[in-house]
Amino acid sequence: MLTKLSALLGTIVAILLVVLALWGWGDAVEMTQRADRPLAALWAIRSGAIAAFAAAQVLGMTYFVGSFYGRGKFGEWLRVAVGFVCTAALITALGLGLVSK
């Protein structure tokens, strides 16, 4: 029961991250109107959106797919690779956000 509840919560958080990433990517131009360097701010927001997409992929693979198919070596390797993509995009977003101010 607890496994199914954690799978449900992980899936809901993954869906919310995808919605947040789509909103951030789509409204990035409007959000950067008052920045000192709007192009850097634009790519900071879009890098954050990529990080949110990657985090949603990790959560989806961990909780949703893992509850149906179990965990294998390839799945674990794929989760680590996507985790690195998420980390790189998040660091890029933070760096560009600092530069855009």
Protein backbone atom coordinates (compact mmCIF):
# COMPACT_ATOMS: atom_id res chain seq x y z
CA MET A 1 0.00 0.00 0.00
CA LEU A 2 2.79 2.41 0.90
CA THR A 3 4.58 1.56 -2.36
CA LYS A 4 1.50 2.44 -4.40
CA LEU A 5 1.03 5.68 -2.48
CA SER A 6 4.63 6.72 -3.06
CA ALA A 7 4.29 5.82 -6.75
CA LEU A 8 1.16 7.96 -6.99
CA LEU A 9 2.77 10.92 -5.23
CA GLY A 10 5.94 10.64 -7.32
CA THR A 11 3.87 10.57 -10.50
CA ILE A 12 1.85 13.61 -9.42
CA VAL A 13 5.03 15.57 -8.63
CA ALA A 14 6.48 14.55 -12.02
CA ILE A 15 3.37 15.81 -13.81
CA LEU A 16 3.51 19.07 -11.87
CA LEU A 17 7.16 19.51 -12.83
CA VAL A 18 6.30 19.02 -16.51
CA VAL A 19 3.52 21.61 -16.27
CA LEU A 20 5.88 24.03 -14.51
CA ALA A 21 8.57 23.47 -17.14
CA LEU A 22 6.14 24.04 -20.01
CA TRP A 23 4.84 27.21 -18.38
CA GLY A 24 8.36 28.49 -17.75
CA TRP A 25 9.51 27.77 -21.29
CA GLY A 26 6.45 29.34 -22.87
CA ASP A 27 6.38 32.49 -20.74
CA ALA A 28 10.14 33.03 -20.57
CA VAL A 29 10.07 36.02 -22.90
CA GLU A 30 7.46 37.84 -20.82
CA MET A 31 9.29 37.09 -17.59
CA THR A 32 12.55 38.65 -18.81
CA GLN A 33 11.25 42.07 -19.83
CA ARG A 34 12.70 43.90 -16.81
CA ALA A 35 16.05 42.11 -16.59
CA ASP A 36 19.33 43.92 -17.14
CA ARG A 37 20.41 41.24 -19.58
CA PRO A 38 17.20 39.79 -21.01
CA LEU A 39 18.91 37.17 -23.22
CA ALA A 40 20.82 35.68 -20.27
CA ALA A 41 17.64 35.74 -18.18
CA LEU A 42 15.72 34.06 -21.01
CA TRP A 43 18.18 31.20 -21.16
CA ALA A 44 18.31 30.96 -17.38
CA ILE A 45 14.57 30.36 -17.31
CA ARG A 46 14.76 27.92 -20.20
CA SER A 47 17.63 26.03 -18.56
CA GLY A 48 15.51 25.82 -15.42
CA ALA A 49 12.70 24.40 -17.54
CA ILE A 50 15.07 21.76 -18.94
CA ALA A 51 16.13 20.91 -15.38
CA ALA A 52 12.48 20.53 -14.39
CA PHE A 53 11.84 18.25 -17.38
CA ALA A 54 14.85 16.12 -16.47
CA ALA A 55 13.77 15.92 -12.83
CA ALA A 56 10.31 14.85 -13.99
CA GLN A 57 11.94 12.12 -16.08
CA VAL A 58 13.88 10.84 -13.08
CA LEU A 59 10.75 10.82 -10.92
CA GLY A 60 8.71 9.18 -13.66
CA MET A 61 11.27 6.45 -14.18
CA THR A 62 11.70 5.93 -10.46
CA TYR A 63 8.10 5.84 -9.30
CA PHE A 64 5.79 5.29 -12.25
CA VAL A 65 7.77 3.01 -14.55
CA GLY A 66 9.57 1.35 -11.65
CA SER A 67 6.28 0.30 -10.07
CA PHE A 68 5.24 -1.57 -13.23
CA TYR A 69 8.47 -2.97 -14.61
CA GLY A 70 10.79 -3.06 -11.63
CA ARG A 71 14.36 -1.80 -11.68
CA GLY A 72 17.10 -3.11 -13.90
CA LYS A 73 20.68 -2.12 -14.56
CA PHE A 74 19.79 -0.21 -17.72
CA GLY A 75 17.05 1.72 -15.90
CA GLU A 76 19.42 2.62 -13.09
CA TRP A 77 22.04 3.79 -15.58
CA LEU A 78 19.44 5.84 -17.43
CA ARG A 79 18.25 7.47 -14.19
CA VAL A 80 21.81 8.46 -13.31
CA ALA A 81 22.39 9.90 -16.80
CA VAL A 82 19.19 11.94 -16.64
CA GLY A 83 20.15 13.04 -13.14
CA PHE A 84 23.40 14.43 -14.54
CA VAL A 85 21.45 16.29 -17.24
CA CYS A 86 19.18 17.73 -14.56
CA THR A 87 22.15 18.82 -12.47
CA ALA A 88 23.96 20.41 -15.42
CA ALA A 89 20.82 22.29 -16.51
CA LEU A 90 20.20 23.49 -12.96
CA ILE A 91 23.77 24.76 -12.56
CA THR A 92 23.50 26.50 -15.93
CA ALA A 93 20.21 28.10 -14.93
CA LEU A 94 21.69 29.36 -11.68
CA GLY A 95 24.77 30.73 -13.40
CA LEU A 96 22.80 32.49 -16.11
CA GLY A 97 20.39 33.83 -13.51
CA LEU A 98 23.26 35.39 -11.59
CA VAL A 99 24.72 36.91 -14.76
CA SER A 100 21.39 38.39 -15.87
CA LYS A 101 20.99 40.57 -12.77
